[in-house]
Amino acid sequence: HLPFFLAPPDVGTQPFLRRMANAGKRKATSADTLPPICGGAFVTSVVMYPADVARAICMSNPGTGAGAALKGFVEAHGLQGFVKQGLVAEVTRASISRAVKFFMQPVVHKSLYGKPQGEGTPVSKGIAGALGTVPEVIAISPLENIKLAAQLDKEGRFKGAVDITKHILETRGFSGLMIGYAGMQARQFLWTGGFFLTLDVYKDGISSMTSNKLAQDVLSGFAAGATGTAMNCWT
């Protein structure tokens, strides 16, 4: 067996050169996906905030339509209300939610099945995603309650998120920030589980329609998100 410096290039030096080529490379981790996920969550939460306001008002006032809900909100707070009434809490909530959700799913999958989520089945990915929402919902529940209080504050009792938090703690204690936890947990469990369960299925179907990878990701992500919403809308 010749030492590598006397062996033919394809025998002795290949492993050495391969190690040199890979020396500066770092294996991708779940944390690498967080910046684009948080950025996307920020933009989406801002753009969709009027719809979130309408949803909150309609849910708290059965029979109220989306148009009437938005009209009443603007009459009470003006257009600036879409900025002042809970937007910061919603942007923070959405960013934390997406970051924890997509960070935890591959971690839980690896723990449950002993292999990366990329090697899993739709069912294993869906289960891992659903179970990974527990820390997510614990983290976002206070922000969800603060946001809803701001959105539904018709009389303008509160001056902002700090004032709302102070009021909840004084009147209900820390547990007041976790009101509705069970409903939020069920909602995220169903949405996230449905999303990861169907994402690859949609992606396989869309790949037969277009070879554009970006289009595949966008369309399959939208379809999987819509499926998750259909599964949890009753919550």
Protein backbone atom coordinates (compact mmCIF):
# COMPACT_ATOMS: atom_id res chain seq x y z
CA HIS A 1 0.00 0.00 0.00
CA LEU A 2 1.74 3.18 -1.22
CA PRO A 3 1.70 6.41 0.79
CA PHE A 4 -0.61 9.00 -0.73
CA PHE A 5 2.26 11.12 -2.12
CA LEU A 6 3.54 8.16 -4.18
CA ALA A 7 0.17 6.73 -5.19
CA PRO A 8 -1.65 7.68 -8.40
CA PRO A 9 -3.81 10.82 -7.99
CA ASP A 10 -7.11 8.94 -8.16
CA VAL A 11 -6.05 6.58 -5.34
CA GLY A 12 -4.06 8.44 -2.73
CA THR A 13 -4.88 12.09 -3.08
CA GLN A 14 -8.62 11.91 -3.72
CA PRO A 15 -9.68 11.48 -0.06
CA PHE A 16 -7.18 14.15 0.98
CA LEU A 17 -8.45 16.62 -1.64
CA ARG A 18 -12.05 15.83 -0.75
CA ARG A 19 -11.34 16.64 2.89
CA MET A 20 -9.64 19.88 1.87
CA ALA A 21 -12.58 20.85 -0.34
CA ASN A 22 -15.08 20.21 2.46
CA ALA A 23 -12.97 21.80 5.18
CA GLY A 24 -14.62 25.22 4.81
CA LYS A 25 -18.15 23.90 4.48
CA ARG A 26 -20.64 23.77 7.35
CA LYS A 27 -23.50 21.34 7.56
CA ALA A 28 -26.85 23.08 7.34
CA THR A 29 -28.97 23.05 10.51
CA SER A 30 -32.58 23.84 11.37
CA ALA A 31 -31.47 27.29 12.57
CA ASP A 32 -30.41 28.23 9.03
CA THR A 33 -34.06 28.36 7.97
CA LEU A 34 -35.10 30.79 10.70
CA PRO A 35 -34.10 34.16 9.12
CA PRO A 36 -36.16 33.71 5.91
CA ILE A 37 -39.04 32.16 7.88
CA CYS A 38 -39.14 35.09 10.32
CA GLY A 39 -38.86 37.57 7.46
CA GLY A 40 -41.74 35.95 5.63
CA ALA A 41 -43.83 35.83 8.80
CA PHE A 42 -43.20 39.55 9.39
CA VAL A 43 -44.33 40.56 5.90
CA THR A 44 -47.33 38.23 5.91
CA SER A 45 -48.56 39.34 9.33
CA VAL A 46 -48.41 43.01 8.31
CA VAL A 47 -50.15 42.50 4.97
CA MET A 48 -52.84 40.21 6.40
CA TYR A 49 -53.48 42.18 9.59
CA PRO A 50 -56.77 43.75 8.38
CA ALA A 51 -58.07 40.23 7.70
CA ASP A 52 -56.96 39.16 11.18
CA VAL A 53 -58.84 42.09 12.70
CA ALA A 54 -61.99 41.20 10.76
CA ARG A 55 -61.70 37.57 11.89
CA ALA A 56 -61.40 38.54 15.55
CA ILE A 57 -64.41 40.89 15.42
CA CYS A 58 -66.56 38.40 13.49
CA MET A 59 -65.75 35.61 15.94
CA SER A 60 -66.59 37.76 18.96
CA ASN A 61 -69.78 39.11 17.35
CA PRO A 62 -71.68 36.25 15.67
CA GLY A 63 -73.55 37.38 12.59
CA THR A 64 -71.23 40.29 11.83
CA GLY A 65 -69.84 40.27 8.29
CA ALA A 66 -66.24 41.02 7.41
CA GLY A 67 -67.15 44.31 5.74
CA ALA A 68 -69.16 45.52 8.72
CA ALA A 69 -66.40 44.42 11.09
CA LEU A 70 -63.75 46.44 9.27
CA LYS A 71 -66.05 49.44 8.93
CA GLY A 72 -66.76 49.46 12.65
CA PHE A 73 -63.06 49.09 13.46
CA VAL A 74 -62.11 52.04 11.23
CA GLU A 75 -64.91 54.17 12.71
CA ALA A 76 -63.65 53.43 16.22
CA HIS A 77 -59.91 53.72 15.64
CA GLY A 78 -59.34 55.24 12.19
CA LEU A 79 -57.00 53.74 9.65
CA GLN A 80 -54.14 54.19 12.10
CA GLY A 81 -55.86 51.56 14.21
CA PHE A 82 -54.43 48.90 11.92
CA VAL A 83 -51.02 50.01 13.19
CA LYS A 84 -51.80 50.90 16.81
CA GLN A 85 -54.31 48.21 17.78
CA GLY A 86 -52.32 45.04 18.24
CA LEU A 87 -50.11 45.05 15.16
CA VAL A 88 -46.86 44.84 17.14
CA ALA A 89 -48.21 41.92 19.18
CA GLU A 90 -49.37 40.16 16.01
CA VAL A 91 -46.06 40.62 14.17
CA THR A 92 -44.17 39.36 17.22
CA ARG A 93 -46.57 36.44 17.67
CA ALA A 94 -46.40 35.42 14.01
CA SER A 95 -42.60 35.61 13.90
CA ILE A 96 -42.18 33.53 17.07
CA SER A 97 -44.85 31.08 15.91
CA ARG A 98 -43.25 30.39 12.54
CA ALA A 99 -39.72 30.27 13.95
CA VAL A 100 -40.59 27.73 16.65
CA LYS A 101 -42.85 25.71 14.36
CA PHE A 102 -40.33 25.15 11.58
CA PHE A 103 -37.39 24.77 13.96
CA MET A 104 -39.11 22.13 16.10
CA GLN A 105 -40.56 19.95 13.33
CA PRO A 106 -37.24 18.43 12.14
CA VAL A 107 -36.00 18.20 15.74
CA VAL A 108 -39.09 16.27 16.86
CA HIS A 109 -38.97 14.07 13.75
CA LYS A 110 -35.36 13.13 14.46
CA SER A 111 -36.18 12.38 18.10
CA LEU A 112 -39.24 10.26 17.28
CA TYR A 113 -38.02 8.33 14.25
CA GLY A 114 -34.24 8.52 14.44
CA LYS A 115 -33.86 9.99 10.97
CA PRO A 116 -34.03 13.42 9.32
CA GLN A 117 -37.48 14.65 8.37
CA GLY A 118 -36.37 14.68 4.73
CA GLU A 119 -36.28 10.88 4.90
CA GLY A 120 -39.68 10.60 6.57
CA THR A 121 -43.14 9.88 5.22
CA PRO A 122 -45.99 12.40 4.98
CA VAL A 123 -47.52 10.86 8.11
CA SER A 124 -44.30 10.99 10.15
CA LYS A 125 -43.71 14.59 9.08
CA GLY A 126 -47.25 15.55 9.98
CA ILE A 127 -47.05 13.93 13.43
CA ALA A 128 -43.70 15.57 14.14
CA GLY A 129 -45.03 18.95 13.06
CA ALA A 130 -48.15 18.63 15.20
CA LEU A 131 -46.26 17.57 18.34
CA GLY A 132 -43.70 20.32 17.84
CA THR A 133 -46.37 23.00 18.32
CA VAL A 134 -46.55 22.58 22.11
CA PRO A 135 -43.67 25.00 22.90
CA GLU A 136 -44.90 27.25 20.09
CA VAL A 137 -48.35 27.73 21.63
CA ILE A 138 -46.92 28.21 25.12
CA ALA A 139 -44.76 31.01 23.72
CA ILE A 140 -47.44 32.79 21.68
CA SER A 141 -50.51 32.50 23.95
CA PRO A 142 -49.80 35.73 25.90
CA LEU A 143 -49.25 37.66 22.65
CA GLU A 144 -52.48 36.28 21.17
CA ASN A 145 -54.47 37.47 24.18
CA ILE A 146 -52.81 40.89 24.14
CA LYS A 147 -53.53 41.25 20.43
CA LEU A 148 -57.18 40.24 20.77
CA ALA A 149 -57.70 42.67 23.64
CA ALA A 150 -56.34 45.49 21.48
CA GLN A 151 -58.42 44.51 18.46
CA LEU A 152 -61.65 44.31 20.46
CA ASP A 153 -61.08 47.48 22.49
CA LYS A 154 -63.95 49.55 21.04
CA GLU A 155 -63.90 52.11 23.86
CA GLY A 156 -60.16 52.75 23.67
CA ARG A 157 -59.59 51.73 27.30
CA PHE A 158 -56.02 50.61 26.74
CA LYS A 159 -53.06 52.70 25.66
CA GLY A 160 -51.03 49.84 24.21
CA ALA A 161 -49.67 46.36 24.74
CA VAL A 162 -47.98 47.24 28.04
CA ASP A 163 -51.23 48.65 29.42
CA ILE A 164 -53.13 45.55 28.33
CA THR A 165 -50.57 43.22 29.88
CA LYS A 166 -50.69 45.15 33.15
CA HIS A 167 -54.50 44.97 33.19
CA ILE A 168 -54.56 41.21 32.57
CA LEU A 169 -51.98 40.53 35.28
CA GLU A 170 -53.80 42.71 37.80
CA THR A 171 -57.25 41.25 37.13
CA ARG A 172 -56.50 37.61 36.27
CA GLY A 173 -52.91 36.93 37.25
CA PHE A 174 -50.33 35.27 35.03
CA SER A 175 -52.80 32.55 34.06
CA GLY A 176 -54.86 35.25 32.38
CA LEU A 177 -52.20 35.50 29.68
CA MET A 178 -52.79 31.82 28.88
CA ILE A 179 -56.57 32.04 28.49
CA GLY A 180 -57.69 29.99 25.51
CA TYR A 181 -54.54 27.84 25.49
CA ALA A 182 -56.46 24.63 24.72
CA GLY A 183 -58.17 26.16 21.70
CA MET A 184 -54.94 27.66 20.38
CA GLN A 185 -53.13 24.36 20.89
CA ALA A 186 -55.81 22.47 18.96
CA ARG A 187 -55.68 25.04 16.17
CA GLN A 188 -51.91 24.89 15.76
CA PHE A 189 -51.86 21.10 16.17
CA LEU A 190 -54.32 20.70 13.29
CA TRP A 191 -52.86 23.38 11.03
CA THR A 192 -49.24 22.33 11.41
CA GLY A 193 -50.01 18.63 11.23
CA GLY A 194 -52.13 19.15 8.13
CA PHE A 195 -49.48 21.34 6.54
CA PHE A 196 -46.59 18.89 6.90
CA LEU A 197 -48.84 15.92 6.16
CA THR A 198 -49.82 17.26 2.73
CA LEU A 199 -46.86 19.43 1.69
CA ASP A 200 -44.90 16.71 -0.11
CA VAL A 201 -48.08 15.31 -1.65
CA TYR A 202 -48.88 18.67 -3.22
CA LYS A 203 -45.26 19.22 -4.21
CA ASP A 204 -45.17 15.89 -6.06
CA GLY A 205 -48.36 16.76 -7.89
CA ILE A 206 -47.26 20.28 -8.81
CA SER A 207 -43.84 19.06 -9.99
CA SER A 208 -45.63 17.26 -12.83
CA MET A 209 -47.14 20.60 -13.89
CA THR A 210 -44.03 22.80 -13.74
CA SER A 211 -40.29 22.28 -13.37
CA ASN A 212 -39.78 25.68 -11.73
CA LYS A 213 -38.63 24.95 -8.17
CA LEU A 214 -39.78 28.31 -6.80
CA ALA A 215 -43.25 27.83 -8.27
CA GLN A 216 -43.38 24.33 -6.81
CA ASP A 217 -42.48 25.62 -3.34
CA VAL A 218 -44.92 28.54 -3.46
CA LEU A 219 -47.89 26.62 -4.85
CA SER A 220 -47.40 23.52 -2.70
CA GLY A 221 -46.89 25.67 0.40
CA PHE A 222 -50.07 27.62 -0.33
CA ALA A 223 -52.07 24.44 -0.93
CA ALA A 224 -50.73 22.78 2.23
CA GLY A 225 -51.47 25.93 4.23
CA ALA A 226 -55.01 26.05 2.86
CA THR A 227 -55.46 22.40 3.84
CA GLY A 228 -54.28 23.11 7.36
CA THR A 229 -56.68 26.06 7.58
CA ALA A 230 -59.58 23.91 6.39
CA MET A 231 -58.74 21.38 9.12
CA ASN A 232 -58.62 23.95 11.94
CA CYS A 233 -61.14 26.63 10.95
CA TRP A 234 -63.72 25.24 13.39
CA THR A 235 -61.39 25.98 16.29
